PDB file of all heavy atoms in Angstrom:
ATOM      1  N   PRO A   1      -8.991   0.611  -6.556  1.00  0.00           N
ATOM      2  CA  PRO A   1      -9.865  -0.546  -6.499  1.00  0.00           C
ATOM      3  C   PRO A   1      -9.045  -1.834  -6.577  1.00  0.00           C
ATOM      4  O   PRO A   1      -8.065  -1.919  -7.313  1.00  0.00           O
ATOM      5  CB  PRO A   1     -10.746  -0.413  -7.737  1.00  0.00           C
ATOM      6  CG  PRO A   1     -10.717   1.073  -8.047  1.00  0.00           C
ATOM      7  CD  PRO A   1      -9.352   1.531  -7.665  1.00  0.00           C
ATOM      8  N   SER A   2      -9.422  -2.834  -5.793  1.00  0.00           N
ATOM      9  CA  SER A   2      -8.606  -4.059  -5.727  1.00  0.00           C
ATOM     10  C   SER A   2      -8.756  -4.928  -6.940  1.00  0.00           C
ATOM     11  O   SER A   2      -7.877  -5.750  -7.199  1.00  0.00           O
ATOM     12  CB  SER A   2      -9.017  -4.801  -4.467  1.00  0.00           C
ATOM     13  OG  SER A   2      -8.747  -4.060  -3.316  1.00  0.00           O
ATOM     14  N   PHE A   3      -9.851  -4.818  -7.698  1.00  0.00           N
ATOM     15  CA  PHE A   3     -10.117  -5.807  -8.703  1.00  0.00           C
ATOM     16  C   PHE A   3     -10.388  -5.275 -10.080  1.00  0.00           C
ATOM     17  O   PHE A   3     -10.103  -5.932 -11.090  1.00  0.00           O
ATOM     18  CB  PHE A   3     -11.336  -6.668  -8.272  1.00  0.00           C
ATOM     19  CG  PHE A   3     -11.309  -7.058  -6.841  1.00  0.00           C
ATOM     20  CD1 PHE A   3     -12.312  -6.625  -5.963  1.00  0.00           C
ATOM     21  CD2 PHE A   3     -10.294  -7.807  -6.332  1.00  0.00           C
ATOM     22  CE1 PHE A   3     -12.282  -6.976  -4.634  1.00  0.00           C
ATOM     23  CE2 PHE A   3     -10.261  -8.172  -4.994  1.00  0.00           C
ATOM     24  CZ  PHE A   3     -11.259  -7.731  -4.127  1.00  0.00           C
ATOM     25  N   GLN A   4     -10.944  -4.093 -10.270  1.00  0.00           N
ATOM     26  CA  GLN A   4     -11.454  -3.636 -11.541  1.00  0.00           C
ATOM     27  C   GLN A   4     -11.221  -2.128 -11.672  1.00  0.00           C
ATOM     28  O   GLN A   4     -12.173  -1.350 -11.696  1.00  0.00           O
ATOM     29  CB  GLN A   4     -12.954  -3.971 -11.674  1.00  0.00           C
ATOM     30  CG  GLN A   4     -13.565  -3.786 -13.009  1.00  0.00           C
ATOM     31  CD  GLN A   4     -15.077  -3.932 -12.928  1.00  0.00           C
ATOM     32  OE1 GLN A   4     -15.727  -3.375 -12.035  1.00  0.00           O
ATOM     33  NE2 GLN A   4     -15.689  -4.603 -13.884  1.00  0.00           N
ATOM     34  N   GLY A   5      -9.935  -1.702 -11.731  1.00  0.00           N
ATOM     35  CA  GLY A   5      -9.710  -0.277 -11.600  1.00  0.00           C
ATOM     36  C   GLY A   5      -8.876   0.361 -12.679  1.00  0.00           C
ATOM     37  O   GLY A   5      -8.625   1.578 -12.627  1.00  0.00           O
ATOM     38  N   LEU A   6      -8.378  -0.342 -13.701  1.00  0.00           N
ATOM     39  CA  LEU A   6      -7.526   0.232 -14.718  1.00  0.00           C
ATOM     40  C   LEU A   6      -8.061  -0.194 -16.069  1.00  0.00           C
ATOM     41  O   LEU A   6      -8.280  -1.394 -16.322  1.00  0.00           O
ATOM     42  CB  LEU A   6      -6.072  -0.247 -14.537  1.00  0.00           C
ATOM     43  CG  LEU A   6      -5.071   0.322 -15.502  1.00  0.00           C
ATOM     44  CD1 LEU A   6      -4.848   1.794 -15.284  1.00  0.00           C
ATOM     45  CD2 LEU A   6      -3.723  -0.416 -15.427  1.00  0.00           C
ATOM     46  N   LEU A   7      -8.224   0.801 -16.994  1.00  0.00           N
ATOM     47  CA  LEU A   7      -8.799   0.515 -18.300  1.00  0.00           C
ATOM     48  C   LEU A   7      -8.035   1.270 -19.383  1.00  0.00           C
ATOM     49  O   LEU A   7      -7.484   2.333 -19.143  1.00  0.00           O
ATOM     50  CB  LEU A   7     -10.261   0.983 -18.345  1.00  0.00           C
ATOM     51  CG  LEU A   7     -11.240   0.287 -17.435  1.00  0.00           C
ATOM     52  CD1 LEU A   7     -12.583   0.993 -17.492  1.00  0.00           C
ATOM     53  CD2 LEU A   7     -11.393  -1.180 -17.789  1.00  0.00           C
ATOM     54  N   PRO A   8      -8.035   0.743 -20.630  1.00  0.00           N
ATOM     55  CA  PRO A   8      -7.512   1.546 -21.754  1.00  0.00           C
ATOM     56  C   PRO A   8      -8.426   2.780 -21.893  1.00  0.00           C
ATOM     57  O   PRO A   8      -9.658   2.692 -21.795  1.00  0.00           O
ATOM     58  CB  PRO A   8      -7.645   0.617 -22.942  1.00  0.00           C
ATOM     59  CG  PRO A   8      -7.833  -0.735 -22.364  1.00  0.00           C
ATOM     60  CD  PRO A   8      -8.507  -0.580 -21.041  1.00  0.00           C
ATOM     61  N   ALA A   9      -7.825   3.928 -22.201  1.00  0.00           N
ATOM     62  CA  ALA A   9      -8.583   5.176 -22.325  1.00  0.00           C
ATOM     63  C   ALA A   9      -8.864   5.490 -23.785  1.00  0.00           C
ATOM     64  O   ALA A   9      -8.093   5.088 -24.668  1.00  0.00           O
ATOM     65  CB  ALA A   9      -7.861   6.333 -21.675  1.00  0.00           C
ATOM     66  N   THR A  10      -9.913   6.197 -24.034  1.00  0.00           N
ATOM     67  CA  THR A  10     -10.209   6.663 -25.385  1.00  0.00           C
ATOM     68  C   THR A  10      -9.069   7.581 -25.853  1.00  0.00           C
ATOM     69  O   THR A  10      -8.681   8.498 -25.151  1.00  0.00           O
ATOM     70  CB  THR A  10     -11.534   7.441 -25.375  1.00  0.00           C
ATOM     71  OG1 THR A  10     -12.590   6.599 -24.879  1.00  0.00           O
ATOM     72  CG2 THR A  10     -11.897   7.924 -26.787  1.00  0.00           C
ATOM     73  N   GLY A  11      -8.543   7.310 -27.031  1.00  0.00           N
ATOM     74  CA  GLY A  11      -7.458   8.138 -27.514  1.00  0.00           C
ATOM     75  C   GLY A  11      -6.077   7.680 -27.082  1.00  0.00           C
ATOM     76  O   GLY A  11      -5.064   8.351 -27.405  1.00  0.00           O
ATOM     77  N   GLY A  12      -5.978   6.549 -26.365  1.00  0.00           N
ATOM     78  CA  GLY A  12      -4.689   6.051 -25.929  1.00  0.00           C
ATOM     79  C   GLY A  12      -4.433   6.314 -24.486  1.00  0.00           C
ATOM     80  O   GLY A  12      -5.049   7.184 -23.853  1.00  0.00           O
ATOM     81  N   GLY A  13      -3.470   5.613 -23.924  1.00  0.00           N
ATOM     82  CA  GLY A  13      -3.177   5.754 -22.492  1.00  0.00           C
ATOM     83  C   GLY A  13      -4.150   4.979 -21.649  1.00  0.00           C
ATOM     84  O   GLY A  13      -4.816   4.040 -22.101  1.00  0.00           O
ATOM     85  N   TYR A  14      -4.285   5.407 -20.388  1.00  0.00           N
ATOM     86  CA  TYR A  14      -5.069   4.632 -19.424  1.00  0.00           C
ATOM     87  C   TYR A  14      -5.878   5.539 -18.533  1.00  0.00           C
ATOM     88  O   TYR A  14      -5.549   6.707 -18.306  1.00  0.00           O
ATOM     89  CB  TYR A  14      -4.133   3.753 -18.547  1.00  0.00           C
ATOM     90  CG  TYR A  14      -3.081   3.065 -19.338  1.00  0.00           C
ATOM     91  CD1 TYR A  14      -1.770   3.553 -19.413  1.00  0.00           C
ATOM     92  CD2 TYR A  14      -3.400   1.943 -20.083  1.00  0.00           C
ATOM     93  CE1 TYR A  14      -0.798   2.923 -20.187  1.00  0.00           C
ATOM     94  CE2 TYR A  14      -2.445   1.284 -20.843  1.00  0.00           C
ATOM     95  CZ  TYR A  14      -1.139   1.795 -20.893  1.00  0.00           C
ATOM     96  OH  TYR A  14      -0.208   1.139 -21.649  1.00  0.00           O
ATOM     97  N   ALA A  15      -6.996   4.990 -17.979  1.00  0.00           N
ATOM     98  CA  ALA A  15      -7.773   5.604 -16.946  1.00  0.00           C
ATOM     99  C   ALA A  15      -7.770   4.698 -15.746  1.00  0.00           C
ATOM    100  O   ALA A  15      -7.909   3.468 -15.876  1.00  0.00           O
ATOM    101  CB  ALA A  15      -9.194   5.897 -17.430  1.00  0.00           C
ATOM    102  N   MET A  16      -7.676   5.272 -14.523  1.00  0.00           N
ATOM    103  CA  MET A  16      -7.628   4.451 -13.328  1.00  0.00           C
ATOM    104  C   MET A  16      -8.519   5.084 -12.241  1.00  0.00           C
ATOM    105  O   MET A  16      -8.390   6.292 -11.970  1.00  0.00           O
ATOM    106  CB  MET A  16      -6.181   4.370 -12.814  1.00  0.00           C
ATOM    107  CG  MET A  16      -6.046   3.485 -11.566  1.00  0.00           C
ATOM    108  SD  MET A  16      -4.307   3.229 -11.059  1.00  0.00           S
ATOM    109  CE  MET A  16      -3.883   4.892 -10.452  1.00  0.00           C
ATOM    110  N   ALA A  17      -9.403   4.318 -11.691  1.00  0.00           N
ATOM    111  CA  ALA A  17     -10.214   4.752 -10.576  1.00  0.00           C
ATOM    112  C   ALA A  17      -9.425   4.610  -9.272  1.00  0.00           C
ATOM    113  O   ALA A  17      -8.463   3.871  -9.201  1.00  0.00           O
ATOM    114  CB  ALA A  17     -11.508   3.964 -10.505  1.00  0.00           C
ATOM    115  N   GLY A  18      -9.848   5.332  -8.286  1.00  0.00           N
ATOM    116  CA  GLY A  18      -9.193   5.231  -6.986  1.00  0.00           C
ATOM    117  C   GLY A  18     -10.002   5.947  -5.927  1.00  0.00           C
ATOM    118  O   GLY A  18     -11.115   6.410  -6.138  1.00  0.00           O
ATOM    119  N   THR A  19      -9.445   5.978  -4.712  1.00  0.00           N
ATOM    120  CA  THR A  19     -10.080   6.598  -3.569  1.00  0.00           C
ATOM    121  C   THR A  19      -9.069   7.444  -2.809  1.00  0.00           C
ATOM    122  O   THR A  19      -7.946   6.965  -2.594  1.00  0.00           O
ATOM    123  CB  THR A  19     -10.692   5.550  -2.645  1.00  0.00           C
ATOM    124  OG1 THR A  19     -11.730   4.811  -3.350  1.00  0.00           O
ATOM    125  CG2 THR A  19     -11.332   6.195  -1.384  1.00  0.00           C
ATOM    126  N   ALA A  20      -9.477   8.611  -2.413  1.00  0.00           N
ATOM    127  CA  ALA A  20      -8.655   9.458  -1.527  1.00  0.00           C
ATOM    128  C   ALA A  20      -9.192   9.322  -0.124  1.00  0.00           C
ATOM    129  O   ALA A  20     -10.425   9.450   0.085  1.00  0.00           O
ATOM    130  CB  ALA A  20      -8.686  10.914  -1.991  1.00  0.00           C
ATOM    131  N   LEU A  21      -8.325   9.126   0.852  1.00  0.00           N
ATOM    132  CA  LEU A  21      -8.714   9.009   2.244  1.00  0.00           C
ATOM    133  C   LEU A  21      -7.932  10.087   3.023  1.00  0.00           C
ATOM    134  O   LEU A  21      -6.722  10.107   3.064  1.00  0.00           O
ATOM    135  CB  LEU A  21      -8.362   7.637   2.790  1.00  0.00           C
ATOM    136  CG  LEU A  21      -8.652   7.388   4.273  1.00  0.00           C
ATOM    137  CD1 LEU A  21     -10.138   7.553   4.569  1.00  0.00           C
ATOM    138  CD2 LEU A  21      -8.185   6.013   4.722  1.00  0.00           C
ATOM    139  N   GLY A  22      -8.663  10.997   3.633  1.00  0.00           N
ATOM    140  CA  GLY A  22      -8.075  12.073   4.391  1.00  0.00           C
ATOM    141  C   GLY A  22      -9.057  13.179   4.653  1.00  0.00           C
ATOM    142  O   GLY A  22     -10.097  13.249   3.980  1.00  0.00           O
ATOM    143  N   GLY A  23      -8.759  14.027   5.607  1.00  0.00           N
ATOM    144  CA  GLY A  23      -9.688  15.123   5.921  1.00  0.00           C
ATOM    145  C   GLY A  23     -11.005  14.678   6.496  1.00  0.00           C
ATOM    146  O   GLY A  23     -12.021  15.350   6.327  1.00  0.00           O
ATOM    147  N   GLY A  24     -11.018  13.511   7.159  1.00  0.00           N
ATOM    148  CA  GLY A  24     -12.239  13.076   7.810  1.00  0.00           C
ATOM    149  C   GLY A  24     -13.164  12.292   6.970  1.00  0.00           C
ATOM    150  O   GLY A  24     -14.324  12.026   7.355  1.00  0.00           O
ATOM    151  N   GLY A  25     -12.770  11.916   5.735  1.00  0.00           N
ATOM    152  CA  GLY A  25     -13.683  11.158   4.887  1.00  0.00           C
ATOM    153  C   GLY A  25     -12.924  10.514   3.722  1.00  0.00           C
ATOM    154  O   GLY A  25     -11.686  10.552   3.658  1.00  0.00           O
ATOM    155  N   SER A  26     -13.661   9.944   2.814  1.00  0.00           N
ATOM    156  CA  SER A  26     -13.094   9.351   1.621  1.00  0.00           C
ATOM    157  C   SER A  26     -13.964   9.696   0.403  1.00  0.00           C
ATOM    158  O   SER A  26     -15.165   9.895   0.549  1.00  0.00           O
ATOM    159  CB  SER A  26     -12.943   7.824   1.765  1.00  0.00           C
ATOM    160  OG  SER A  26     -14.227   7.241   1.885  1.00  0.00           O
ATOM    161  N   TYR A  27     -13.360   9.740  -0.773  1.00  0.00           N
ATOM    162  CA  TYR A  27     -14.115  10.076  -1.960  1.00  0.00           C
ATOM    163  C   TYR A  27     -13.423   9.518  -3.192  1.00  0.00           C
ATOM    164  O   TYR A  27     -12.238   9.181  -3.191  1.00  0.00           O
ATOM    165  CB  TYR A  27     -14.250  11.606  -2.120  1.00  0.00           C
ATOM    166  CG  TYR A  27     -12.985  12.383  -1.904  1.00  0.00           C
ATOM    167  CD1 TYR A  27     -12.153  12.689  -2.994  1.00  0.00           C
ATOM    168  CD2 TYR A  27     -12.581  12.826  -0.678  1.00  0.00           C
ATOM    169  CE1 TYR A  27     -10.979  13.392  -2.821  1.00  0.00           C
ATOM    170  CE2 TYR A  27     -11.411  13.523  -0.473  1.00  0.00           C
ATOM    171  CZ  TYR A  27     -10.630  13.810  -1.569  1.00  0.00           C
ATOM    172  OH  TYR A  27      -9.466  14.517  -1.374  1.00  0.00           O
ATOM    173  N   ALA A  28     -14.232   9.319  -4.255  1.00  0.00           N
ATOM    174  CA  ALA A  28     -13.761   8.669  -5.467  1.00  0.00           C
ATOM    175  C   ALA A  28     -12.837   9.611  -6.257  1.00  0.00           C
ATOM    176  O   ALA A  28     -12.974  10.825  -6.232  1.00  0.00           O
ATOM    177  CB  ALA A  28     -14.963   8.281  -6.325  1.00  0.00           C
TER     178      ALA A  28
END
């Protein structure tokens, strides 16, 4: 995500959203 995609995770570390593009489509 271009604007709002990285957050502190519960228990430490990080969570990051994203998108996979391939195989004829895209998915979260």
